[in-house]
């Protein structure tokens, strides 16, 4: 089991293999849950969005109907929390 060192500021650094296991990239957040017995549970924080966010972001941008491929791409990027370029 890997061990981590706590700095004087009370911080720890997760090794790359642990971050990869969590599926976390630089700039993303990790949720930590306190469990009984002094244990912690960590998981990647996943952005939450609503269908209103999705519709509002793309409403009125085009007058032509979208193809299924375009809709799938928009849906995938929207639910993944990716911002538009």
Protein backbone atom coordinates (compact mmCIF):
# COMPACT_ATOMS: atom_id res chain seq x y z
CA UNK A 1 0.00 0.00 0.00
CA UNK A 2 1.52 3.36 -0.97
CA UNK A 3 2.20 5.85 1.81
CA UNK A 4 2.14 9.64 1.52
CA UNK A 5 4.10 12.23 3.49
CA UNK A 6 2.31 15.18 5.08
CA UNK A 7 4.13 18.52 4.67
CA UNK A 8 4.49 21.18 7.36
CA UNK A 9 1.47 22.90 5.76
CA UNK A 10 -0.63 19.74 6.20
CA UNK A 11 -0.60 18.95 2.47
CA UNK A 12 -0.02 15.69 0.62
CA UNK A 13 0.93 15.01 -2.99
CA UNK A 14 -0.67 12.10 -4.81
CA UNK A 15 1.63 10.17 -7.09
CA UNK A 16 0.86 10.06 -10.80
CA UNK A 17 -0.23 6.40 -10.68
CA UNK A 18 -2.84 7.24 -8.01
CA UNK A 19 -4.13 10.19 -10.02
CA UNK A 20 -4.33 8.01 -13.11
CA UNK A 21 -6.23 5.37 -11.14
CA UNK A 22 -8.73 8.06 -10.06
CA UNK A 23 -8.96 9.39 -13.62
CA UNK A 24 -7.95 12.89 -12.49
CA UNK A 25 -6.10 15.39 -14.66
CA UNK A 26 -4.35 18.61 -13.60
CA UNK A 27 -6.87 21.25 -12.54
CA UNK A 28 -9.62 18.74 -11.74
CA UNK A 29 -11.00 18.21 -8.27
CA UNK A 30 -11.11 15.20 -5.96
CA UNK A 31 -13.96 14.56 -3.52
CA UNK A 32 -12.99 13.24 -0.09
CA UNK A 33 -15.46 11.49 2.22
CA UNK A 34 -14.72 10.92 5.91
CA UNK A 35 -15.39 7.35 7.02
CA UNK A 36 -15.47 5.88 10.53
CA UNK A 37 -12.19 4.78 12.04
CA UNK A 38 -10.12 7.63 10.58
CA UNK A 39 -10.43 6.41 6.99
CA UNK A 40 -10.99 8.56 3.91
CA UNK A 41 -12.56 7.70 0.58
CA UNK A 42 -11.42 9.67 -2.48
CA UNK A 43 -12.94 9.83 -5.94
CA UNK A 44 -12.74 12.15 -8.89
CA UNK A 45 -15.29 14.94 -8.66
CA UNK A 46 -17.43 14.78 -11.76
CA UNK A 47 -18.98 18.00 -13.02
CA UNK A 48 -22.72 18.09 -12.86
CA UNK A 49 -24.82 19.76 -15.48
CA UNK A 50 -28.46 20.08 -16.26
CA UNK A 51 -30.33 19.67 -19.50
CA UNK A 52 -31.15 23.40 -19.26
CA UNK A 53 -27.40 24.18 -19.28
CA UNK A 54 -27.02 22.01 -22.38
CA UNK A 55 -29.99 23.49 -24.24
CA UNK A 56 -29.17 27.06 -23.26
CA UNK A 57 -25.59 26.74 -24.45
CA UNK A 58 -26.59 25.66 -27.97
CA UNK A 59 -29.98 27.31 -28.49
CA UNK A 60 -30.23 29.70 -31.40
CA UNK A 61 -26.70 29.15 -32.76
CA UNK A 62 -27.78 27.69 -36.05
CA UNK A 63 -30.89 27.78 -38.18
CA UNK A 64 -30.09 24.52 -39.92
CA UNK A 65 -31.02 21.20 -38.31
CA UNK A 66 -28.13 19.36 -36.67
CA UNK A 67 -27.05 15.92 -37.78
CA UNK A 68 -27.06 13.02 -35.30
CA UNK A 69 -23.26 13.15 -35.26
CA UNK A 70 -23.29 16.87 -34.38
CA UNK A 71 -25.85 16.29 -31.63
CA UNK A 72 -23.79 13.43 -30.19
CA UNK A 73 -20.64 15.58 -30.22
CA UNK A 74 -22.42 18.48 -28.52
CA UNK A 75 -23.97 16.18 -25.92
CA UNK A 76 -20.66 14.48 -25.15
CA UNK A 77 -18.79 17.75 -24.72
CA UNK A 78 -21.62 19.33 -22.73
CA UNK A 79 -21.98 16.52 -20.23
CA UNK A 80 -18.20 16.24 -19.93
CA UNK A 81 -18.14 19.87 -18.82
CA UNK A 82 -16.02 21.04 -21.73
CA UNK A 83 -16.32 24.70 -22.59
CA UNK A 84 -16.76 25.91 -26.11
CA UNK A 85 -13.80 27.25 -28.05
